[in-house]
Amino acid sequence: MGDEKLRFLAQELVNRVKQSITIDWQVRENARAQIRVLVKRILRKYGYPPDMQQRATELVLEQAEVLCQDWSVL
């Protein structure tokens, strides 16, 4: 994947995950599952390699857990 495509992918992931975060998403498995599905759809949309999608999804969730402390929930 090219740098430009990866940049757009990352931006869309951040924006969409921010919109999907709820107050208790870290403890509710169904909320985490919805975010995983969202991430997988975005990865497929941008042609992310299928064999790397599982690890990328886990990484996005891990990063969201760290970063969501700075995100305000509306």
Protein backbone atom coordinates (compact mmCIF):
# COMPACT_ATOMS: atom_id res chain seq x y z
CA MET A 1 0.00 0.00 0.00
CA GLY A 2 1.22 3.49 -0.77
CA ASP A 3 1.83 6.13 1.86
CA GLU A 4 -1.03 8.29 0.61
CA LYS A 5 -3.51 5.42 0.79
CA LEU A 6 -2.31 4.48 4.28
CA ARG A 7 -2.72 8.09 5.41
CA PHE A 8 -6.33 8.18 4.23
CA LEU A 9 -6.95 4.79 5.84
CA ALA A 10 -5.58 5.99 9.18
CA GLN A 11 -7.59 9.21 9.06
CA GLU A 12 -10.83 7.38 8.33
CA LEU A 13 -10.13 4.84 11.08
CA VAL A 14 -9.56 7.57 13.66
CA ASN A 15 -12.64 9.54 12.64
CA ARG A 16 -14.98 6.54 12.51
CA VAL A 17 -13.71 4.96 15.73
CA LYS A 18 -14.06 8.31 17.53
CA GLN A 19 -17.68 8.48 16.39
CA SER A 20 -18.34 4.92 17.58
CA ILE A 21 -16.83 5.19 21.04
CA THR A 22 -19.29 5.07 23.93
CA ILE A 23 -18.60 5.61 27.61
CA ASP A 24 -18.37 1.93 28.50
CA TRP A 25 -17.09 0.52 25.20
CA GLN A 26 -14.01 -0.95 26.87
CA VAL A 27 -16.04 -3.24 29.14
CA ARG A 28 -19.01 -4.08 26.91
CA GLU A 29 -18.07 -6.85 24.52
CA ASN A 30 -20.87 -6.04 22.08
CA ALA A 31 -19.60 -2.44 21.79
CA ARG A 32 -16.06 -3.70 21.15
CA ALA A 33 -17.41 -6.14 18.57
CA GLN A 34 -19.16 -3.31 16.71
CA ILE A 35 -15.92 -1.35 16.56
CA ARG A 36 -14.02 -4.44 15.34
CA VAL A 37 -16.54 -4.87 12.52
CA LEU A 38 -16.23 -1.19 11.64
CA VAL A 39 -12.43 -1.41 11.51
CA LYS A 40 -12.51 -4.56 9.36
CA ARG A 41 -14.88 -2.92 6.87
CA ILE A 42 -12.64 0.11 6.54
CA LEU A 43 -9.56 -2.07 6.09
CA ARG A 44 -11.31 -4.02 3.30
CA LYS A 45 -12.49 -0.78 1.69
CA TYR A 46 -8.89 0.40 1.33
CA GLY A 47 -7.57 -2.97 0.16
CA TYR A 48 -5.62 -3.81 3.30
CA PRO A 49 -4.06 -7.30 2.98
CA PRO A 50 -6.51 -9.89 4.39
CA ASP A 51 -3.79 -11.86 6.16
CA MET A 52 -2.83 -8.76 8.18
CA GLN A 53 -6.33 -7.52 9.04
CA GLN A 54 -6.68 -9.41 12.34
CA ARG A 55 -3.53 -7.92 13.85
CA ALA A 56 -4.34 -4.47 12.47
CA THR A 57 -7.80 -4.62 14.07
CA GLU A 58 -6.31 -5.58 17.43
CA LEU A 59 -3.76 -2.78 17.14
CA VAL A 60 -6.46 -0.20 16.36
CA LEU A 61 -8.44 -1.27 19.44
CA GLU A 62 -5.33 -1.12 21.63
CA GLN A 63 -4.51 2.36 20.37
CA ALA A 64 -8.10 3.50 20.80
CA GLU A 65 -8.04 2.40 24.44
CA VAL A 66 -5.00 4.58 25.07
CA LEU A 67 -6.17 7.54 23.00
CA CYS A 68 -9.83 7.61 24.04
CA GLN A 69 -8.89 9.16 27.35
CA ASP A 70 -8.28 12.38 25.38
CA TRP A 71 -11.42 12.07 23.24
CA SER A 72 -14.56 13.72 24.50
CA VAL A 73 -17.70 11.67 24.23
CA LEU A 74 -20.71 13.69 23.12
